[in-house]
Protein backbone atom coordinates (compact mmCIF):
# COMPACT_ATOMS: atom_id res chain seq x y z
CA UNK A 1 25.16 -37.99 51.64
CA UNK A 2 24.90 -37.19 47.93
CA UNK A 3 27.43 -38.12 45.31
CA UNK A 4 29.50 -35.61 43.25
CA UNK A 5 30.67 -36.79 39.84
CA UNK A 6 34.39 -36.28 39.07
CA UNK A 7 34.01 -33.24 36.72
CA UNK A 8 32.28 -31.27 39.51
CA UNK A 9 34.55 -32.43 42.34
CA UNK A 10 36.98 -29.79 43.47
CA UNK A 11 36.00 -27.34 40.73
CA UNK A 12 35.71 -24.53 43.32
CA UNK A 13 31.89 -24.55 42.96
CA UNK A 14 29.84 -26.42 45.64
CA UNK A 15 27.48 -28.91 44.02
CA UNK A 16 26.79 -31.16 47.00
CA UNK A 17 24.07 -29.74 49.27
CA UNK A 18 26.49 -30.06 52.21
CA UNK A 19 29.43 -28.60 50.22
CA UNK A 20 31.59 -31.69 50.77
CA UNK A 21 32.66 -31.82 47.09
CA UNK A 22 34.88 -28.78 47.73
CA UNK A 23 36.48 -30.01 50.98
CA UNK A 24 40.07 -31.35 51.27
CA UNK A 25 40.77 -30.46 47.64
CA UNK A 26 44.38 -30.22 46.35
CA UNK A 27 45.72 -26.72 45.69
CA UNK A 28 44.49 -25.31 42.35
CA UNK A 29 47.15 -24.92 39.71
CA UNK A 30 47.87 -21.26 38.91
CA UNK A 31 46.62 -19.95 35.57
CA UNK A 32 49.18 -19.17 32.86
CA UNK A 33 50.35 -15.62 32.11
CA UNK A 34 48.04 -15.57 29.07
CA UNK A 35 45.03 -16.51 31.22
CA UNK A 36 42.83 -14.87 33.82
CA UNK A 37 41.85 -16.65 37.03
CA UNK A 38 38.11 -16.79 37.68
CA UNK A 39 36.76 -16.53 41.22
CA UNK A 40 36.27 -20.30 41.28
CA UNK A 41 39.91 -20.89 40.30
CA UNK A 42 39.26 -21.87 36.72
CA UNK A 43 41.19 -20.20 33.90
CA UNK A 44 39.95 -18.33 30.85
CA UNK A 45 41.89 -16.58 28.03
CA UNK A 46 43.09 -13.16 29.17
CA UNK A 47 41.06 -11.39 26.48
CA UNK A 48 37.88 -12.83 28.03
CA UNK A 49 38.25 -10.47 31.00
CA UNK A 50 35.82 -7.54 30.82
CA UNK A 51 34.85 -8.18 27.20
CA UNK A 52 31.13 -7.86 27.89
CA UNK A 53 30.53 -11.62 27.80
CA UNK A 54 30.56 -14.05 30.73
CA UNK A 55 33.37 -16.56 30.26
CA UNK A 56 33.76 -17.69 33.92
CA UNK A 57 31.13 -20.03 35.32
CA UNK A 58 30.77 -17.72 38.32
CA UNK A 59 30.59 -14.60 36.08
CA UNK A 60 33.58 -13.10 37.92
CA UNK A 61 35.31 -12.12 34.66
CA UNK A 62 32.83 -9.23 34.23
CA UNK A 63 32.96 -8.12 37.88
CA UNK A 64 34.71 -4.90 38.96
CA UNK A 65 35.77 -4.09 35.42
CA UNK A 66 37.88 -0.94 34.88
CA UNK A 67 36.32 2.34 33.70
CA UNK A 68 35.11 2.78 30.12
CA UNK A 69 37.42 3.91 27.33
CA UNK A 70 38.10 7.64 26.77
CA UNK A 71 35.34 7.94 24.13
CA UNK A 72 32.74 6.33 26.40
CA UNK A 73 30.64 7.27 29.43
CA UNK A 74 30.30 4.90 32.39
CA UNK A 75 26.75 4.10 33.51
CA UNK A 76 26.00 3.61 37.20
CA UNK A 77 25.69 -0.14 36.61
CA UNK A 78 29.09 -0.24 34.90
CA UNK A 79 27.84 -0.31 31.33
CA UNK A 80 29.64 1.84 28.75
CA UNK A 81 27.90 4.03 26.19
CA UNK A 82 29.30 6.52 23.63
CA UNK A 83 29.95 9.88 25.29
CA UNK A 84 27.71 11.56 22.68
CA UNK A 85 24.72 9.66 24.13
CA UNK A 86 25.21 11.11 27.62
CA UNK A 87 22.49 13.68 28.43
CA UNK A 88 20.90 13.55 24.97
CA UNK A 89 17.43 13.19 26.55
CA UNK A 90 17.24 9.52 25.47
CA UNK A 91 18.12 6.79 28.05
CA UNK A 92 20.81 4.46 26.73
CA UNK A 93 22.08 2.98 30.01
CA UNK A 94 19.98 0.08 31.22
CA UNK A 95 19.57 1.87 34.55
CA UNK A 96 18.81 5.22 32.89
CA UNK A 97 21.69 6.90 34.71
CA UNK A 98 22.97 8.63 31.55
CA UNK A 99 20.00 11.05 31.70
CA UNK A 100 20.26 11.89 35.42
CA UNK A 101 21.66 15.20 36.79
CA UNK A 102 22.05 16.59 33.27
CA UNK A 103 22.57 20.35 32.70
CA UNK A 104 19.68 22.37 31.24
CA UNK A 105 19.34 21.89 27.47
CA UNK A 106 20.55 24.79 25.34
CA UNK A 107 17.76 26.58 23.46
CA UNK A 108 17.43 25.87 19.73
CA UNK A 109 18.24 28.63 17.22
CA UNK A 110 15.54 30.81 15.66
CA UNK A 111 15.82 28.73 12.47
CA UNK A 112 15.24 25.50 14.40
CA UNK A 113 12.36 23.74 16.15
CA UNK A 114 12.78 22.16 19.59
CA UNK A 115 11.74 18.50 19.78
CA UNK A 116 10.13 17.10 22.90
CA UNK A 117 13.44 15.53 23.91
CA UNK A 118 15.21 18.88 23.64
CA UNK A 119 17.02 18.20 20.38
CA UNK A 120 16.82 20.66 17.50
CA UNK A 121 15.69 20.16 13.90
CA UNK A 122 15.43 22.63 10.98
CA UNK A 123 12.27 24.71 11.27
CA UNK A 124 10.92 23.38 7.97
CA UNK A 125 10.91 19.87 9.45
CA UNK A 126 7.97 20.79 11.70
CA UNK A 127 4.67 19.31 10.43
CA UNK A 128 6.06 18.35 7.02
CA UNK A 129 4.56 14.85 7.14
CA UNK A 130 7.88 13.18 7.99
CA UNK A 131 9.28 12.38 11.42
CA UNK A 132 12.46 14.39 12.00
CA UNK A 133 12.54 14.27 15.83
CA UNK A 134 13.62 11.01 17.45
CA UNK A 135 10.53 11.21 19.69
CA UNK A 136 8.22 12.04 16.73
CA UNK A 137 7.11 15.26 18.42
CA UNK A 138 7.60 17.34 15.24
CA UNK A 139 4.40 15.83 13.77
CA UNK A 140 2.36 16.13 16.97
CA UNK A 141 -0.44 18.71 17.33
CA UNK A 142 0.16 20.15 13.86
CA UNK A 143 -1.88 23.20 12.82
CA UNK A 144 -4.79 23.09 10.39
CA UNK A 145 -4.39 22.41 6.66
CA UNK A 146 -2.84 24.92 4.28
CA UNK A 147 -4.93 27.82 2.89
CA UNK A 148 -5.74 25.90 -0.30
CA UNK A 149 -7.00 22.87 1.61
CA UNK A 150 -10.04 21.88 3.67
CA UNK A 151 -9.65 20.11 7.03
CA UNK A 152 -11.64 16.89 7.47
CA UNK A 153 -13.09 16.04 10.87
CA UNK A 154 -10.44 13.31 11.27
CA UNK A 155 -7.65 15.79 10.54
CA UNK A 156 -7.02 14.81 6.93
CA UNK A 157 -6.51 17.54 4.36
CA UNK A 158 -8.19 17.65 0.94
CA UNK A 159 -8.16 20.31 -1.81
CA UNK A 160 -10.66 23.04 -0.97
CA UNK A 161 -12.34 22.49 -4.37
CA UNK A 162 -13.41 19.00 -3.26
CA UNK A 163 -15.40 20.33 -0.29
CA UNK A 164 -19.16 19.97 -0.88
CA UNK A 165 -18.79 18.66 -4.44
CA UNK A 166 -21.25 15.84 -3.67
CA UNK A 167 -18.41 13.26 -3.73
CA UNK A 168 -16.88 12.13 -0.39
CA UNK A 169 -13.10 12.60 -0.35
CA UNK A 170 -12.47 12.60 3.41
CA UNK A 171 -12.17 9.11 4.85
CA UNK A 172 -14.87 10.02 7.37
CA UNK A 173 -17.10 11.65 4.73
CA UNK A 174 -17.15 14.94 6.63
CA UNK A 175 -16.46 17.01 3.49
CA UNK A 176 -20.02 16.36 2.30
CA UNK A 177 -21.79 17.11 5.59
CA UNK A 178 -23.74 20.35 6.28
CA UNK A 179 -23.21 21.56 2.71
CA UNK A 180 -25.35 24.40 1.27
CA UNK A 181 -27.99 23.49 -1.33
CA UNK A 182 -26.48 22.92 -4.76
CA UNK A 183 -27.29 25.76 -7.22
CA UNK A 184 -29.59 24.77 -10.07
CA UNK A 185 -28.06 24.12 -13.49
CA UNK A 186 -28.77 26.58 -16.32
CA UNK A 187 -31.21 25.95 -19.18
CA UNK A 188 -28.29 24.87 -21.40
CA UNK A 189 -27.10 22.30 -18.87
CA UNK A 190 -28.27 18.94 -17.51
CA UNK A 191 -28.19 18.14 -13.80
CA UNK A 192 -26.30 14.97 -12.88
CA UNK A 193 -27.46 12.79 -10.02
CA UNK A 194 -24.73 14.24 -7.78
CA UNK A 195 -25.91 17.80 -8.49
CA UNK A 196 -23.13 18.77 -10.86
CA UNK A 197 -23.90 20.25 -14.28
CA UNK A 198 -22.88 19.14 -17.77
CA UNK A 199 -23.67 20.61 -21.21
CA UNK A 200 -27.14 19.58 -22.34
CA UNK A 201 -25.76 17.75 -25.38
CA UNK A 202 -23.86 15.44 -23.04
CA UNK A 203 -27.14 13.78 -21.99
CA UNK A 204 -27.58 10.34 -23.60
CA UNK A 205 -24.76 10.81 -26.12
CA UNK A 206 -23.29 7.40 -25.43
CA UNK A 207 -20.42 8.81 -23.34
CA UNK A 208 -20.32 9.28 -19.58
CA UNK A 209 -20.04 12.98 -18.77
CA UNK A 210 -21.35 12.89 -15.17
CA UNK A 211 -19.01 11.54 -12.50
CA UNK A 212 -21.86 9.29 -11.29
CA UNK A 213 -22.69 8.14 -14.86
CA UNK A 214 -26.28 9.36 -14.48
CA UNK A 215 -26.25 11.17 -17.86
CA UNK A 216 -26.55 7.79 -19.64
CA UNK A 217 -29.22 6.40 -17.31
CA UNK A 218 -32.86 5.98 -18.41
CA UNK A 219 -32.20 7.46 -21.84
CA UNK A 220 -35.21 7.93 -24.21
CA UNK A 221 -35.95 5.62 -27.17
CA UNK A 222 -33.80 5.55 -30.28
CA UNK A 223 -34.21 8.03 -33.15
CA UNK A 224 -36.71 7.34 -35.99
CA UNK A 225 -34.03 5.82 -38.26
CA UNK A 226 -32.81 3.49 -35.51
CA UNK A 227 -34.05 0.23 -34.01
CA UNK A 228 -34.14 -0.22 -30.24
CA UNK A 229 -32.45 -3.34 -28.87
CA UNK A 230 -33.94 -5.12 -25.88
CA UNK A 231 -31.11 -3.79 -23.69
CA UNK A 232 -31.78 -0.21 -24.83
CA UNK A 233 -28.98 0.03 -27.38
CA UNK A 234 -29.71 1.66 -30.73
CA UNK A 235 -28.67 0.28 -34.13
CA UNK A 236 -29.45 1.46 -37.68
CA UNK A 237 -32.83 0.14 -38.82
CA UNK A 238 -31.15 -1.46 -41.85
CA UNK A 239 -29.28 -3.81 -39.51
CA UNK A 240 -32.49 -5.20 -37.98
CA UNK A 241 -33.14 -8.78 -39.12
CA UNK A 242 -30.19 -8.87 -41.54
CA UNK A 243 -29.16 -12.22 -40.10
CA UNK A 244 -26.14 -10.59 -38.38
CA UNK A 245 -26.41 -9.75 -34.63
CA UNK A 246 -25.58 -6.08 -33.99
CA UNK A 247 -27.28 -5.63 -30.59
CA UNK A 248 -25.09 -6.75 -27.71
CA UNK A 249 -27.94 -8.99 -26.55
CA UNK A 250 -28.62 -10.33 -30.07
CA UNK A 251 -32.24 -9.16 -29.94
CA UNK A 252 -32.09 -7.59 -33.44
CA UNK A 253 -32.09 -11.10 -34.93
CA UNK A 254 -34.92 -12.53 -32.82
CA UNK A 255 -38.50 -13.12 -34.11
CA UNK A 256 -37.50 -12.06 -37.63
CA UNK A 257 -39.72 -13.06 -40.61
CA UNK A 258 -38.28 -15.81 -42.82
CA UNK A 259 -36.42 -14.49 -45.84
CA UNK A 260 -37.99 -15.39 -49.20
CA UNK A 261 -35.98 -18.11 -50.91
CA UNK A 262 -37.15 -17.12 -54.41
CA UNK A 263 -34.55 -14.98 -56.22
CA UNK A 264 -32.25 -15.32 -53.19
CA UNK A 265 -29.10 -17.37 -52.86
CA UNK A 266 -28.19 -19.12 -49.63
CA UNK A 267 -24.57 -18.75 -48.46
CA UNK A 268 -22.86 -21.70 -46.85
CA UNK A 269 -23.05 -19.90 -43.49
CA UNK A 270 -26.88 -19.80 -43.75
CA UNK A 271 -27.24 -16.15 -44.76
CA UNK A 272 -29.08 -15.11 -47.93
CA UNK A 273 -28.02 -12.68 -50.62
CA UNK A 274 -29.80 -11.58 -53.81
CA UNK A 275 -29.26 -14.24 -56.46
CA UNK A 276 -27.76 -11.74 -58.90
CA UNK A 277 -24.87 -11.23 -56.48
CA UNK A 278 -23.80 -14.83 -56.97
CA UNK A 279 -20.54 -14.95 -58.95
CA UNK A 280 -20.55 -11.19 -59.63
CA UNK A 281 -16.86 -10.91 -58.83
CA UNK A 282 -17.48 -9.35 -55.39
CA UNK A 283 -17.68 -11.18 -52.08
CA UNK A 284 -21.16 -10.66 -50.59
CA UNK A 285 -21.41 -13.66 -48.27
CA UNK A 286 -19.47 -13.26 -45.05
CA UNK A 287 -17.85 -16.64 -45.68
CA UNK A 288 -17.08 -15.76 -49.32
CA UNK A 289 -19.02 -18.79 -50.58
CA UNK A 290 -20.89 -16.72 -53.23
CA UNK A 291 -17.67 -16.52 -55.24
CA UNK A 292 -16.63 -20.15 -54.79
CA UNK A 293 -16.63 -22.49 -57.83
CA UNK A 294 -17.48 -19.56 -60.11
CA UNK A 295 -14.74 -20.42 -62.64
CA UNK A 296 -16.12 -23.94 -62.88
CA UNK A 297 -19.62 -22.58 -63.51
CA UNK A 298 -18.36 -20.21 -66.22
CA UNK A 299 -16.47 -23.03 -67.89
CA UNK A 300 -19.64 -25.16 -68.00
CA UNK A 301 -21.68 -22.32 -69.50
CA UNK A 302 -19.26 -21.51 -72.32
CA UNK A 303 -18.09 -25.00 -73.32
């Protein structure tokens, strides 16, 4: 025979496999007036009865509870829900009984749209891009895009002006499929790589006019008074081999002939200026060294 420990002996719940722990027990003391007696004889506070939580070990405090309050509807399993949720086409009872044997739903007004669950929303809530119905049916099977839009194959809407403009705007790219041939640009226009047209003067003007940037691609050589950098940039010819890089790749200062030292003056930064510009009262070297120590030189000359 098994052994029952004192806390479980005579607690009105059999713990021994043969039930002997509940035999020959003394009479259970009655619960106080502020307590409720559980089915096993134990006591719980009176407010624990039918409060939606199990307080008794045998769960008897939530058994055979009275009907729901006046503002509630009683489910078949005894649950209580707000009366407004009864027959609203949405199951709230755990057993779904609140949506059984309901009367036919009243038709929505002419200014309303009927959701799939029978509820009504303002007519303008239908297919406005926001869910108004609780079952989301107001955004289901919406009609095609508005008159000023084009419908993509995946259902997206884009401005009609973006259809067949040689630039995909639909996520599936369908707006650029089966498009008619692009009309040729006029004699005063240049054709971009995407088929669009820009004014002829926009070609190779140093600014991107085409949406695909093709107007600045493979531009011709620089003008006669310009020097062409290795990267294709153009700089004034006077800036070629002036000991100052003007090309972005520095190519204008590569393979330059050596400057004659005679009648030239070397700045401290390595650049050369005409000797007559030394101490002429104007800064000609970039580091200003051509005007350094000039007062000392003048003082030596006129002492």
